[in-house]
C-alpha atoms as a PDB file:
ATOM      1  CA  UNK A   1     -15.610  -4.707  -6.288  1.00  0.00           C
ATOM      2  CA  UNK A   2     -13.133  -6.964  -4.504  1.00  0.00           C
ATOM      3  CA  UNK A   3     -13.401  -7.424  -0.741  1.00  0.00           C
ATOM      4  CA  UNK A   4     -10.663  -8.627   1.605  1.00  0.00           C
ATOM      5  CA  UNK A   5     -10.452  -9.767   5.220  1.00  0.00           C
ATOM      6  CA  UNK A   6      -7.390 -10.349   7.389  1.00  0.00           C
ATOM      7  CA  UNK A   7      -8.271 -11.754  10.825  1.00  0.00           C
ATOM      8  CA  UNK A   8      -5.963 -14.082  12.734  1.00  0.00           C
ATOM      9  CA  UNK A   9      -8.688 -15.485  15.006  1.00  0.00           C
ATOM     10  CA  UNK A  10     -10.233 -18.395  13.012  1.00  0.00           C
ATOM     11  CA  UNK A  11     -13.658 -18.048  14.632  1.00  0.00           C
ATOM     12  CA  UNK A  12     -13.852 -14.302  14.027  1.00  0.00           C
ATOM     13  CA  UNK A  13     -12.556 -14.779  10.488  1.00  0.00           C
ATOM     14  CA  UNK A  14     -15.348 -17.266   9.782  1.00  0.00           C
ATOM     15  CA  UNK A  15     -17.919 -14.843  11.249  1.00  0.00           C
ATOM     16  CA  UNK A  16     -16.734 -11.944   9.095  1.00  0.00           C
ATOM     17  CA  UNK A  17     -16.701 -14.136   5.977  1.00  0.00           C
ATOM     18  CA  UNK A  18     -20.290 -15.170   6.643  1.00  0.00           C
ATOM     19  CA  UNK A  19     -21.503 -11.610   7.283  1.00  0.00           C
ATOM     20  CA  UNK A  20     -19.842 -10.278   4.142  1.00  0.00           C
ATOM     21  CA  UNK A  21     -20.825 -13.068   1.737  1.00  0.00           C
ATOM     22  CA  UNK A  22     -24.426 -13.117   2.975  1.00  0.00           C
ATOM     23  CA  UNK A  23     -24.830  -9.351   2.680  1.00  0.00           C
ATOM     24  CA  UNK A  24     -23.366  -9.338  -0.836  1.00  0.00           C
ATOM     25  CA  UNK A  25     -25.634 -12.196  -1.908  1.00  0.00           C
ATOM     26  CA  UNK A  26     -28.827 -10.811  -0.338  1.00  0.00           C
ATOM     27  CA  UNK A  27     -28.329  -7.411  -1.962  1.00  0.00           C
ATOM     28  CA  UNK A  28     -27.037  -8.848  -5.248  1.00  0.00           C
ATOM     29  CA  UNK A  29     -24.053  -6.501  -5.163  1.00  0.00           C
ATOM     30  CA  UNK A  30     -21.457  -6.810  -7.924  1.00  0.00           C
ATOM     31  CA  UNK A  31     -18.844  -7.731  -5.324  1.00  0.00           C
ATOM     32  CA  UNK A  32     -16.767 -10.743  -4.302  1.00  0.00           C
ATOM     33  CA  UNK A  33     -14.929 -11.823  -1.170  1.00  0.00           C
ATOM     34  CA  UNK A  34     -11.601 -12.292  -2.929  1.00  0.00           C
ATOM     35  CA  UNK A  35      -9.225 -13.057  -0.066  1.00  0.00           C
ATOM     36  CA  UNK A  36     -10.084 -14.026   3.512  1.00  0.00           C
ATOM     37  CA  UNK A  37      -6.984 -14.987   5.451  1.00  0.00           C
ATOM     38  CA  UNK A  38      -5.358 -15.000   8.843  1.00  0.00           C
ATOM     39  CA  UNK A  39      -2.028 -13.782   7.492  1.00  0.00           C
ATOM     40  CA  UNK A  40      -1.315 -10.150   6.645  1.00  0.00           C
ATOM     41  CA  UNK A  41       1.467 -11.007   4.192  1.00  0.00           C
ATOM     42  CA  UNK A  42      -0.921 -13.164   2.131  1.00  0.00           C
ATOM     43  CA  UNK A  43      -3.091 -10.147   1.401  1.00  0.00           C
ATOM     44  CA  UNK A  44      -0.105  -7.897   0.703  1.00  0.00           C
ATOM     45  CA  UNK A  45       1.247 -10.442  -1.789  1.00  0.00           C
ATOM     46  CA  UNK A  46      -2.104 -10.428  -3.585  1.00  0.00           C
ATOM     47  CA  UNK A  47      -2.239  -6.643  -3.744  1.00  0.00           C
ATOM     48  CA  UNK A  48       1.346  -6.509  -5.040  1.00  0.00           C
ATOM     49  CA  UNK A  49       0.405  -8.922  -7.820  1.00  0.00           C
ATOM     50  CA  UNK A  50      -2.668  -6.944  -8.926  1.00  0.00           C
ATOM     51  CA  UNK A  51      -1.702  -3.352  -9.677  1.00  0.00           C
ATOM     52  CA  UNK A  52      -5.146  -2.230 -10.893  1.00  0.00           C
ATOM     53  CA  UNK A  53      -6.964  -3.243  -7.722  1.00  0.00           C
ATOM     54  CA  UNK A  54      -9.678  -1.193  -5.989  1.00  0.00           C
ATOM     55  CA  UNK A  55     -10.937  -2.925  -2.878  1.00  0.00           C
ATOM     56  CA  UNK A  56     -12.724  -2.924   0.447  1.00  0.00           C
ATOM     57  CA  UNK A  57     -10.457  -4.162   3.248  1.00  0.00           C
ATOM     58  CA  UNK A  58     -11.452  -5.391   6.714  1.00  0.00           C
ATOM     59  CA  UNK A  59      -8.350  -5.427   8.914  1.00  0.00           C
ATOM     60  CA  UNK A  60      -7.451  -5.900  12.571  1.00  0.00           C
ATOM     61  CA  UNK A  61      -4.891  -3.738  14.359  1.00  0.00           C
ATOM     62  CA  UNK A  62      -2.712  -6.515  15.766  1.00  0.00           C
ATOM     63  CA  UNK A  63      -1.721  -9.878  14.269  1.00  0.00           C
ATOM     64  CA  UNK A  64      -0.023 -11.995  16.912  1.00  0.00           C
ATOM     65  CA  UNK A  65       3.383 -13.352  15.911  1.00  0.00           C
ATOM     66  CA  UNK A  66       3.328 -11.783  12.436  1.00  0.00           C
ATOM     67  CA  UNK A  67       5.841  -9.406  10.915  1.00  0.00           C
ATOM     68  CA  UNK A  68       3.144  -6.975   9.754  1.00  0.00           C
ATOM     69  CA  UNK A  69       0.564  -5.418  12.051  1.00  0.00           C
ATOM     70  CA  UNK A  70      -2.705  -3.989  10.801  1.00  0.00           C
ATOM     71  CA  UNK A  71      -1.525  -0.382  10.667  1.00  0.00           C
ATOM     72  CA  UNK A  72       1.540  -1.282   8.623  1.00  0.00           C
ATOM     73  CA  UNK A  73      -0.548  -3.443   6.311  1.00  0.00           C
ATOM     74  CA  UNK A  74      -3.078  -0.638   5.849  1.00  0.00           C
ATOM     75  CA  UNK A  75      -0.322   1.851   5.014  1.00  0.00           C
ATOM     76  CA  UNK A  76       1.115  -0.479   2.381  1.00  0.00           C
ATOM     77  CA  UNK A  77      -2.355  -1.094   0.934  1.00  0.00           C
ATOM     78  CA  UNK A  78      -2.964   2.661   0.747  1.00  0.00           C
ATOM     79  CA  UNK A  79       0.310   3.087  -1.174  1.00  0.00           C
ATOM     80  CA  UNK A  80      -0.753   0.480  -3.726  1.00  0.00           C
ATOM     81  CA  UNK A  81      -4.520   1.060  -3.846  1.00  0.00           C
ATOM     82  CA  UNK A  82      -5.082   4.801  -3.534  1.00  0.00           C
ATOM     83  CA  UNK A  83      -8.876   4.356  -3.582  1.00  0.00           C
ATOM     84  CA  UNK A  84      -8.889   1.610  -0.933  1.00  0.00           C
ATOM     85  CA  UNK A  85     -11.823   1.522   1.473  1.00  0.00           C
ATOM     86  CA  UNK A  86     -10.254   0.349   4.750  1.00  0.00           C
ATOM     87  CA  UNK A  87     -12.249  -0.755   7.789  1.00  0.00           C
ATOM     88  CA  UNK A  88     -10.573  -1.706  11.042  1.00  0.00           C
ATOM     89  CA  UNK A  89     -12.331  -4.328  13.177  1.00  0.00           C
ATOM     90  CA  UNK A  90     -10.446  -4.481  16.447  1.00  0.00           C
ATOM     91  CA  UNK A  91     -10.563  -4.594  20.239  1.00  0.00           C
ATOM     92  CA  UNK A  92      -7.910  -1.855  20.350  1.00  0.00           C
ATOM     93  CA  UNK A  93     -10.171   1.206  20.347  1.00  0.00           C
ATOM     94  CA  UNK A  94      -7.322   3.247  21.814  1.00  0.00           C
ATOM     95  CA  UNK A  95      -5.364   2.767  18.571  1.00  0.00           C
ATOM     96  CA  UNK A  96      -7.921   4.525  16.381  1.00  0.00           C
ATOM     97  CA  UNK A  97      -6.080   7.851  16.536  1.00  0.00           C
ATOM     98  CA  UNK A  98      -3.001   6.228  14.942  1.00  0.00           C
ATOM     99  CA  UNK A  99      -4.956   5.618  11.740  1.00  0.00           C
ATOM    100  CA  UNK A 100      -5.271   9.387  11.361  1.00  0.00           C
ATOM    101  CA  UNK A 101      -1.691  10.034  12.412  1.00  0.00           C
ATOM    102  CA  UNK A 102      -0.476   7.696   9.656  1.00  0.00           C
ATOM    103  CA  UNK A 103      -2.818   9.217   7.033  1.00  0.00           C
ATOM    104  CA  UNK A 104      -4.543   5.874   6.409  1.00  0.00           C
ATOM    105  CA  UNK A 105      -7.979   7.526   6.063  1.00  0.00           C
ATOM    106  CA  UNK A 106     -10.122   4.548   7.162  1.00  0.00           C
ATOM    107  CA  UNK A 107     -13.759   4.271   6.195  1.00  0.00           C
ATOM    108  CA  UNK A 108     -14.617   3.022   9.693  1.00  0.00           C
ATOM    109  CA  UNK A 109     -13.185   1.723  12.941  1.00  0.00           C
ATOM    110  CA  UNK A 110     -15.380  -1.006  14.450  1.00  0.00           C
ATOM    111  CA  UNK A 111     -14.784  -2.010  18.049  1.00  0.00           C
ATOM    112  CA  UNK A 112     -15.332  -5.747  18.535  1.00  0.00           C
ATOM    113  CA  UNK A 113     -16.332  -5.304  22.182  1.00  0.00           C
ATOM    114  CA  UNK A 114     -19.591  -3.654  21.092  1.00  0.00           C
ATOM    115  CA  UNK A 115     -21.043  -7.123  20.536  1.00  0.00           C
ATOM    116  CA  UNK A 116     -21.660  -9.383  17.574  1.00  0.00           C
ATOM    117  CA  UNK A 117     -24.948  -7.805  16.447  1.00  0.00           C
ATOM    118  CA  UNK A 118     -23.542  -4.276  16.495  1.00  0.00           C
ATOM    119  CA  UNK A 119     -20.408  -5.403  14.662  1.00  0.00           C
ATOM    120  CA  UNK A 120     -22.567  -7.186  12.072  1.00  0.00           C
ATOM    121  CA  UNK A 121     -24.703  -4.077  11.507  1.00  0.00           C
ATOM    122  CA  UNK A 122     -21.641  -1.858  11.133  1.00  0.00           C
ATOM    123  CA  UNK A 123     -19.899  -4.236   8.724  1.00  0.00           C
ATOM    124  CA  UNK A 124     -23.032  -4.402   6.572  1.00  0.00           C
ATOM    125  CA  UNK A 125     -23.370  -0.611   6.578  1.00  0.00           C
ATOM    126  CA  UNK A 126     -19.713  -0.218   5.575  1.00  0.00           C
ATOM    127  CA  UNK A 127     -20.219  -2.655   2.691  1.00  0.00           C
ATOM    128  CA  UNK A 128     -23.151  -0.592   1.417  1.00  0.00           C
ATOM    129  CA  UNK A 129     -21.279   2.704   1.743  1.00  0.00           C
ATOM    130  CA  UNK A 130     -18.124   1.342   0.100  1.00  0.00           C
ATOM    131  CA  UNK A 131     -20.118  -0.180  -2.763  1.00  0.00           C
ATOM    132  CA  UNK A 132     -22.041   3.040  -3.360  1.00  0.00           C
ATOM    133  CA  UNK A 133     -18.813   5.088  -3.430  1.00  0.00           C
ATOM    134  CA  UNK A 134     -17.138   2.527  -5.672  1.00  0.00           C
ATOM    135  CA  UNK A 135     -19.947   2.793  -8.208  1.00  0.00           C
ATOM    136  CA  UNK A 136     -19.986   6.600  -8.141  1.00  0.00           C
ATOM    137  CA  UNK A 137     -16.226   6.636  -8.524  1.00  0.00           C
ATOM    138  CA  UNK A 138     -16.426   4.150 -11.371  1.00  0.00           C
ATOM    139  CA  UNK A 139     -18.840   6.307 -13.365  1.00  0.00           C
ATOM    140  CA  UNK A 140     -16.385   9.196 -13.148  1.00  0.00           C
ATOM    141  CA  UNK A 141     -13.201   7.215 -13.685  1.00  0.00           C
ATOM    142  CA  UNK A 142     -14.115   4.687 -16.369  1.00  0.00           C
ATOM    143  CA  UNK A 143     -12.791   6.713 -19.274  1.00  0.00           C
ATOM    144  CA  UNK A 144     -13.281   5.298 -22.733  1.00  0.00           C
ATOM    145  CA  UNK A 145     -11.030   5.184 -25.777  1.00  0.00           C
ATOM    146  CA  UNK A 146     -12.466   5.464 -29.289  1.00  0.00           C
ATOM    147  CA  UNK A 147     -10.969   4.827 -32.701  1.00  0.00           C
ATOM    148  CA  UNK A 148     -12.307   4.413 -36.212  1.00  0.00           C
ATOM    149  CA  UNK A 149     -11.415   1.592 -38.583  1.00  0.00           C
ATOM    150  CA  UNK A 150     -13.031   0.627 -41.850  1.00  0.00           C
ATOM    151  CA  UNK A 151     -15.762   3.205 -41.366  1.00  0.00           C
ATOM    152  CA  UNK A 152     -16.737   1.662 -38.029  1.00  0.00           C
ATOM    153  CA  UNK A 153     -16.340   3.310 -34.601  1.00  0.00           C
ATOM    154  CA  UNK A 154     -14.932   1.203 -31.779  1.00  0.00           C
ATOM    155  CA  UNK A 155     -15.172   2.057 -28.070  1.00  0.00           C
ATOM    156  CA  UNK A 156     -13.262   0.323 -25.299  1.00  0.00           C
ATOM    157  CA  UNK A 157     -12.227   1.108 -21.717  1.00  0.00           C
ATOM    158  CA  UNK A 158      -9.111   3.256 -21.504  1.00  0.00           C
ATOM    159  CA  UNK A 159      -7.794   0.728 -18.964  1.00  0.00           C
ATOM    160  CA  UNK A 160      -7.255  -1.715 -21.853  1.00  0.00           C
ATOM    161  CA  UNK A 161      -4.910   0.684 -23.658  1.00  0.00           C
ATOM    162  CA  UNK A 162      -1.164   0.270 -23.096  1.00  0.00           C
ATOM    163  CA  UNK A 163       0.192   2.685 -25.682  1.00  0.00           C
ATOM    164  CA  UNK A 164      -0.105   4.011 -29.225  1.00  0.00           C
ATOM    165  CA  UNK A 165       2.795   4.193 -31.649  1.00  0.00           C
ATOM    166  CA  UNK A 166       3.211   5.595 -35.132  1.00  0.00           C
ATOM    167  CA  UNK A 167       3.031   2.965 -37.855  1.00  0.00           C
ATOM    168  CA  UNK A 168       5.457   2.337 -40.687  1.00  0.00           C
ATOM    169  CA  UNK A 169       3.074   3.961 -43.187  1.00  0.00           C
ATOM    170  CA  UNK A 170       2.034   7.620 -43.197  1.00  0.00           C
ATOM    171  CA  UNK A 171      -0.976   8.446 -40.982  1.00  0.00           C
ATOM    172  CA  UNK A 172      -1.093   4.912 -39.605  1.00  0.00           C
ATOM    173  CA  UNK A 173      -1.209   4.238 -35.856  1.00  0.00           C
ATOM    174  CA  UNK A 174      -0.659   0.996 -33.965  1.00  0.00           C
ATOM    175  CA  UNK A 175      -2.782   0.626 -30.852  1.00  0.00           C
ATOM    176  CA  UNK A 176      -1.312  -1.752 -28.268  1.00  0.00           C
ATOM    177  CA  UNK A 177      -4.008  -3.179 -26.012  1.00  0.00           C
ATOM    178  CA  UNK A 178      -3.726  -5.571 -23.097  1.00  0.00           C
ATOM    179  CA  UNK A 179      -4.662  -8.566 -25.229  1.00  0.00           C
ATOM    180  CA  UNK A 180      -4.193  -7.518 -28.873  1.00  0.00           C
ATOM    181  CA  UNK A 181      -2.750  -5.008 -31.341  1.00  0.00           C
ATOM    182  CA  UNK A 182      -4.868  -2.915 -33.723  1.00  0.00           C
ATOM    183  CA  UNK A 183      -3.748  -0.745 -36.661  1.00  0.00           C
ATOM    184  CA  UNK A 184      -5.924   2.162 -37.767  1.00  0.00           C
ATOM    185  CA  UNK A 185      -5.715   5.498 -39.595  1.00  0.00           C
ATOM    186  CA  UNK A 186      -4.817   8.528 -37.538  1.00  0.00           C
ATOM    187  CA  UNK A 187      -2.218  10.984 -36.316  1.00  0.00           C
ATOM    188  CA  UNK A 188      -0.538  10.687 -32.943  1.00  0.00           C
ATOM    189  CA  UNK A 189      -0.821  14.461 -32.482  1.00  0.00           C
ATOM    190  CA  UNK A 190      -4.610  14.215 -32.847  1.00  0.00           C
ATOM    191  CA  UNK A 191      -4.807  11.369 -30.320  1.00  0.00           C
ATOM    192  CA  UNK A 192      -2.744  13.423 -27.855  1.00  0.00           C
ATOM    193  CA  UNK A 193      -5.414  16.125 -27.960  1.00  0.00           C
ATOM    194  CA  UNK A 194      -8.379  13.737 -28.001  1.00  0.00           C
ATOM    195  CA  UNK A 195      -7.145  11.699 -25.010  1.00  0.00           C
ATOM    196  CA  UNK A 196      -5.497  13.933 -22.385  1.00  0.00           C
ATOM    197  CA  UNK A 197      -5.288  10.912 -20.057  1.00  0.00           C
ATOM    198  CA  UNK A 198      -2.509   9.587 -22.302  1.00  0.00           C
ATOM    199  CA  UNK A 199       1.024  11.002 -22.115  1.00  0.00           C
ATOM    200  CA  UNK A 200       3.355  11.712 -25.044  1.00  0.00           C
ATOM    201  CA  UNK A 201       6.675  10.194 -23.960  1.00  0.00           C
ATOM    202  CA  UNK A 202       8.288  10.271 -27.398  1.00  0.00           C
ATOM    203  CA  UNK A 203       7.492  11.615 -30.869  1.00  0.00           C
ATOM    204  CA  UNK A 204       6.448   8.071 -31.761  1.00  0.00           C
ATOM    205  CA  UNK A 205       4.789   6.926 -28.521  1.00  0.00           C
ATOM    206  CA  UNK A 206       1.676   7.953 -26.591  1.00  0.00           C
ATOM    207  CA  UNK A 207       1.400   5.990 -23.356  1.00  0.00           C
ATOM    208  CA  UNK A 208      -1.264   5.235 -20.763  1.00  0.00           C
ATOM    209  CA  UNK A 209       0.728   5.983 -17.556  1.00  0.00           C
ATOM    210  CA  UNK A 210      -1.607   3.866 -15.418  1.00  0.00           C
ATOM    211  CA  UNK A 211      -0.567   0.750 -17.343  1.00  0.00           C
ATOM    212  CA  UNK A 212       3.179   1.165 -16.860  1.00  0.00           C
ATOM    213  CA  UNK A 213       4.724  -1.279 -14.388  1.00  0.00           C
ATOM    214  CA  UNK A 214       8.340  -0.096 -14.531  1.00  0.00           C
ATOM    215  CA  UNK A 215      10.441   2.774 -15.822  1.00  0.00           C
ATOM    216  CA  UNK A 216      14.178   2.437 -16.377  1.00  0.00           C
ATOM    217  CA  UNK A 217      15.557   5.966 -16.160  1.00  0.00           C
ATOM    218  CA  UNK A 218      19.042   5.072 -17.387  1.00  0.00           C
ATOM    219  CA  UNK A 219      17.936   3.116 -20.444  1.00  0.00           C
ATOM    220  CA  UNK A 220      15.014   5.497 -21.083  1.00  0.00           C
ATOM    221  CA  UNK A 221      12.508   2.641 -21.304  1.00  0.00           C
ATOM    222  CA  UNK A 222       8.993   2.029 -20.054  1.00  0.00           C
ATOM    223  CA  UNK A 223       7.744  -1.498 -19.362  1.00  0.00           C
ATOM    224  CA  UNK A 224       4.271  -3.056 -19.372  1.00  0.00           C
ATOM    225  CA  UNK A 225       2.966  -6.197 -17.681  1.00  0.00           C
ATOM    226  CA  UNK A 226       2.822  -8.107 -20.974  1.00  0.00           C
ATOM    227  CA  UNK A 227       6.561  -7.570 -21.590  1.00  0.00           C
ATOM    228  CA  UNK A 228       6.258  -4.804 -24.181  1.00  0.00           C
ATOM    229  CA  UNK A 229       8.471  -1.716 -23.882  1.00  0.00           C
ATOM    230  CA  UNK A 230       8.500   1.852 -25.184  1.00  0.00           C
ATOM    231  CA  UNK A 231      11.223   4.436 -25.656  1.00  0.00           C
ATOM    232  CA  UNK A 232      11.027   7.548 -23.475  1.00  0.00           C
ATOM    233  CA  UNK A 233      12.623  10.750 -24.749  1.00  0.00           C
ATOM    234  CA  UNK A 234      15.150  12.314 -22.384  1.00  0.00           C
ATOM    235  CA  UNK A 235      13.259  15.604 -22.301  1.00  0.00           C
ATOM    236  CA  UNK A 236      10.015  13.755 -21.421  1.00  0.00           C
ATOM    237  CA  UNK A 237      11.417  11.613 -18.601  1.00  0.00           C
ATOM    238  CA  UNK A 238      11.245  14.338 -15.937  1.00  0.00           C
ATOM    239  CA  UNK A 239       7.610  15.133 -16.733  1.00  0.00           C
ATOM    240  CA  UNK A 240       6.644  11.459 -16.765  1.00  0.00           C
ATOM    241  CA  UNK A 241       8.267  10.823 -13.383  1.00  0.00           C
ATOM    242  CA  UNK A 242       6.511  13.885 -11.967  1.00  0.00           C
ATOM    243  CA  UNK A 243       3.181  12.589 -13.261  1.00  0.00           C
ATOM    244  CA  UNK A 244       3.802   9.151 -11.747  1.00  0.00           C
ATOM    245  CA  UNK A 245       4.609  10.717  -8.377  1.00  0.00           C
ATOM    246  CA  UNK A 246       1.723  13.178  -8.432  1.00  0.00           C
ATOM    247  CA  UNK A 247      -0.792  10.490  -9.402  1.00  0.00           C
ATOM    248  CA  UNK A 248       0.738   7.979  -6.945  1.00  0.00           C
ATOM    249  CA  UNK A 249       0.931   5.342  -9.639  1.00  0.00           C
ATOM    250  CA  UNK A 250       2.420   1.957  -8.616  1.00  0.00           C
ATOM    251  CA  UNK A 251       5.282   2.135 -11.117  1.00  0.00           C
ATOM    252  CA  UNK A 252       8.699   0.756 -10.169  1.00  0.00           C
ATOM    253  CA  UNK A 253      11.561   3.117 -10.934  1.00  0.00           C
ATOM    254  CA  UNK A 254      15.187   2.134 -11.509  1.00  0.00           C
END
C-alpha cells in the first residue's frame, strides 16, 4: 500500500515522515511512504501518472501560496483513486464540515492543536485502519484470470490482462498482457461468460475496462498504456461509456 504526505511546513513534514515510516517498519506492514512533499501539485502529478493507484493520503487543508488547497487536492485524488484513504492533518478544525460537503469521505480529520503525542497516536491508528481495510479490499478485488495451454493451467491477476482477441486460426485466442502476448486454445464467447469482469467491445475483442487509458469515440478505438489499441463496435460504444462512468474509471474520452 502506497502512502503519501503533503505538508508545506518542513518541520511538520519531517515529523509526519518519521511517524509513518517508523510505524510501518515496527509493524512490518507491506506499505511504503511513496511521496512526501510540500507541494500539492507534486502529488497530483504522481497520481495522474499512476492510474492503478490505491493509497493512504495525509493532507493539510491550506497550502500557502499554492494553486491547489488541500480540499481541491483531495477532490482530485478521489476522482482518480476511488478507494483512497484520505486523512486531513490541519489546524483548521472549522473546515472539517467542508470535507463532507464536497463528498471527499475522509478517513479522519486530525487537529494539529491537540498536541504532538495525540497527533502521533491518531496517525498511527489511521495507518492501521487503512492497512486493514486495504487488505480486506484486496482479498475481494484481486480477481484472477485463468487459461489453459499445452495441458497446463495458468493463473494470473486480472489486472495484468489488457484484452483478448480472436486469433487467425479457428478456436485460437490471443491474450494481450501488460508485458507479453500469449496464444492459447479457446472461444471468445466462452471467455465472456467465464470472466464477467471483461467487456465484449467487438465480436473479436474482449477488453479489461480497468486497463483502458483512453477511448476515441469518433474513431471507435480504445487505447492502452503500452500503445496497443482495439476496435470498438458502434453498438457497444454506448454501453462501454456507461460502464466507464458508472465504475468511475480514469479513462480519457475524446
